[in-house]
Amino acid sequence: MGEQHKECQSCGWRGPAAELDETKDASTGKTHIFCPDCGGVDIEDLNPDEKGETSES
């Protein structure tokens, strides 16, 4: 049950996708995501394999 992590290319913020700010465009029905720190829209997925960490508690 891994949480998808994201990274803002504008400011370097990293965190779970659940922390991103979202707005839904009523006219198109599309959801837009924004960085919670800088409001940037250039958000990329982080590769979970890069961390090399697994937490099984």
N, C-alpha and C. Protein backbone atom coordinates (compact mmCIF):
# COMPACT_ATOMS: atom_id res chain seq x y z
N MET A 1 0.82 -1.20 0.00
CA MET A 1 0.00 0.00 0.00
C MET A 1 0.86 1.25 0.00
N GLY A 2 1.60 1.45 -1.07
CA GLY A 2 2.47 2.61 -1.13
C GLY A 2 1.75 3.86 -1.60
N GLU A 3 2.00 4.94 -0.94
CA GLU A 3 1.44 6.23 -1.33
C GLU A 3 2.28 6.79 -2.46
N GLN A 4 1.64 7.26 -3.53
CA GLN A 4 2.35 7.85 -4.66
C GLN A 4 2.93 9.20 -4.24
N HIS A 5 4.22 9.36 -4.41
CA HIS A 5 4.87 10.61 -4.06
C HIS A 5 5.12 11.45 -5.30
N LYS A 6 5.05 12.74 -5.13
CA LYS A 6 5.20 13.69 -6.22
C LYS A 6 6.31 14.68 -5.90
N GLU A 7 6.80 15.36 -6.94
CA GLU A 7 7.80 16.41 -6.76
C GLU A 7 7.44 17.60 -7.64
N CYS A 8 7.52 18.80 -7.05
CA CYS A 8 7.29 20.03 -7.80
C CYS A 8 8.60 20.44 -8.46
N GLN A 9 8.57 20.59 -9.77
CA GLN A 9 9.77 20.97 -10.50
C GLN A 9 10.09 22.46 -10.33
N SER A 10 9.13 23.24 -9.84
CA SER A 10 9.35 24.67 -9.66
C SER A 10 10.12 24.99 -8.38
N CYS A 11 9.71 24.35 -7.26
CA CYS A 11 10.33 24.70 -5.98
C CYS A 11 11.03 23.53 -5.29
N GLY A 12 10.84 22.31 -5.80
CA GLY A 12 11.50 21.16 -5.20
C GLY A 12 10.70 20.47 -4.10
N TRP A 13 9.48 20.93 -3.84
CA TRP A 13 8.64 20.28 -2.83
C TRP A 13 8.46 18.82 -3.17
N ARG A 14 8.49 17.97 -2.14
CA ARG A 14 8.21 16.54 -2.32
C ARG A 14 7.25 16.10 -1.24
N GLY A 15 6.34 15.24 -1.63
CA GLY A 15 5.39 14.72 -0.66
C GLY A 15 4.37 13.81 -1.31
N PRO A 16 3.47 13.27 -0.50
CA PRO A 16 2.45 12.38 -1.04
C PRO A 16 1.45 13.13 -1.91
N ALA A 17 0.91 12.43 -2.88
CA ALA A 17 -0.05 13.03 -3.81
C ALA A 17 -1.25 13.62 -3.07
N ALA A 18 -1.60 13.04 -1.93
CA ALA A 18 -2.75 13.50 -1.16
C ALA A 18 -2.58 14.93 -0.64
N GLU A 19 -1.34 15.42 -0.55
CA GLU A 19 -1.09 16.76 -0.03
C GLU A 19 -1.21 17.84 -1.10
N LEU A 20 -1.29 17.44 -2.37
CA LEU A 20 -1.38 18.42 -3.44
C LEU A 20 -2.71 19.14 -3.40
N ASP A 21 -2.70 20.41 -3.78
CA ASP A 21 -3.93 21.18 -3.89
C ASP A 21 -4.59 20.83 -5.22
N GLU A 22 -5.90 20.67 -5.22
CA GLU A 22 -6.61 20.32 -6.44
C GLU A 22 -7.78 21.27 -6.66
N THR A 23 -8.04 21.56 -7.92
CA THR A 23 -9.25 22.29 -8.29
C THR A 23 -9.86 21.58 -9.48
N LYS A 24 -11.17 21.54 -9.52
CA LYS A 24 -11.85 20.90 -10.64
C LYS A 24 -12.45 21.98 -11.52
N ASP A 25 -12.14 21.92 -12.82
CA ASP A 25 -12.66 22.86 -13.79
C ASP A 25 -14.05 22.39 -14.19
N ALA A 26 -15.07 23.13 -13.80
CA ALA A 26 -16.45 22.73 -14.06
C ALA A 26 -16.77 22.67 -15.55
N SER A 27 -16.15 23.52 -16.33
CA SER A 27 -16.45 23.56 -17.76
C SER A 27 -15.88 22.37 -18.52
N THR A 28 -14.72 21.87 -18.09
CA THR A 28 -14.09 20.75 -18.80
C THR A 28 -14.19 19.44 -18.03
N GLY A 29 -14.43 19.53 -16.71
CA GLY A 29 -14.49 18.33 -15.88
C GLY A 29 -13.11 17.81 -15.49
N LYS A 30 -12.05 18.53 -15.87
CA LYS A 30 -10.69 18.11 -15.55
C LYS A 30 -10.28 18.60 -14.17
N THR A 31 -9.45 17.82 -13.51
CA THR A 31 -8.90 18.21 -12.21
C THR A 31 -7.48 18.70 -12.42
N HIS A 32 -7.17 19.87 -11.87
CA HIS A 32 -5.83 20.44 -11.97
C HIS A 32 -5.17 20.34 -10.60
N ILE A 33 -3.89 19.94 -10.59
CA ILE A 33 -3.17 19.83 -9.32
C ILE A 33 -2.11 20.92 -9.22
N PHE A 34 -1.89 21.38 -8.00
CA PHE A 34 -0.95 22.46 -7.72
C PHE A 34 -0.08 22.09 -6.54
N CYS A 35 1.13 22.61 -6.52
CA CYS A 35 2.04 22.43 -5.40
C CYS A 35 1.49 23.18 -4.19
N PRO A 36 1.46 22.55 -3.01
CA PRO A 36 0.96 23.23 -1.81
C PRO A 36 1.90 24.32 -1.31
N ASP A 37 3.17 24.32 -1.74
CA ASP A 37 4.12 25.34 -1.29
C ASP A 37 4.13 26.57 -2.20
N CYS A 38 4.29 26.34 -3.50
CA CYS A 38 4.47 27.49 -4.40
C CYS A 38 3.32 27.68 -5.38
N GLY A 39 2.40 26.73 -5.45
CA GLY A 39 1.29 26.84 -6.38
C GLY A 39 1.66 26.43 -7.80
N GLY A 40 2.86 25.89 -7.98
CA GLY A 40 3.31 25.48 -9.31
C GLY A 40 2.50 24.30 -9.84
N VAL A 41 2.46 24.18 -11.16
CA VAL A 41 1.69 23.12 -11.78
C VAL A 41 2.57 22.06 -12.44
N ASP A 42 3.89 22.24 -12.36
CA ASP A 42 4.82 21.29 -12.97
C ASP A 42 5.16 20.20 -11.96
N ILE A 43 4.21 19.25 -11.78
CA ILE A 43 4.34 18.20 -10.78
C ILE A 43 4.68 16.89 -11.48
N GLU A 44 5.67 16.19 -10.98
CA GLU A 44 6.07 14.91 -11.56
C GLU A 44 6.02 13.81 -10.51
N ASP A 45 5.80 12.58 -10.98
CA ASP A 45 5.82 11.42 -10.10
C ASP A 45 7.25 11.12 -9.70
N LEU A 46 7.44 10.76 -8.44
CA LEU A 46 8.74 10.27 -8.00
C LEU A 46 8.74 8.77 -8.15
N ASN A 47 9.85 8.24 -8.59
CA ASN A 47 9.99 6.80 -8.74
C ASN A 47 10.25 6.19 -7.37
N PRO A 48 9.36 5.35 -6.86
CA PRO A 48 9.55 4.77 -5.53
C PRO A 48 10.82 3.92 -5.42
N ASP A 49 11.32 3.41 -6.55
CA ASP A 49 12.53 2.61 -6.52
C ASP A 49 13.79 3.45 -6.25
N GLU A 50 13.72 4.76 -6.51
CA GLU A 50 14.86 5.64 -6.28
C GLU A 50 15.22 5.71 -4.79
N LYS A 51 14.22 5.66 -3.94
CA LYS A 51 14.47 5.76 -2.50
C LYS A 51 15.12 4.50 -1.94
N GLY A 52 14.75 3.37 -2.49
CA GLY A 52 15.30 2.12 -1.99
C GLY A 52 14.79 1.76 -0.61
N GLU A 53 13.68 2.35 -0.22
CA GLU A 53 13.14 2.13 1.10
C GLU A 53 11.83 1.35 1.01
N THR A 54 11.66 0.42 1.91
CA THR A 54 10.38 -0.23 2.07
C THR A 54 10.07 -0.25 3.55
N SER A 55 8.86 0.13 3.88
CA SER A 55 8.51 0.14 5.30
C SER A 55 7.38 -0.84 5.51
N GLU A 56 7.68 -1.91 6.20
CA GLU A 56 6.68 -2.90 6.54
C GLU A 56 6.67 -3.07 8.04
N SER A 57 5.75 -2.35 8.66
CA SER A 57 5.68 -2.40 10.12
C SER A 57 4.57 -3.30 10.57
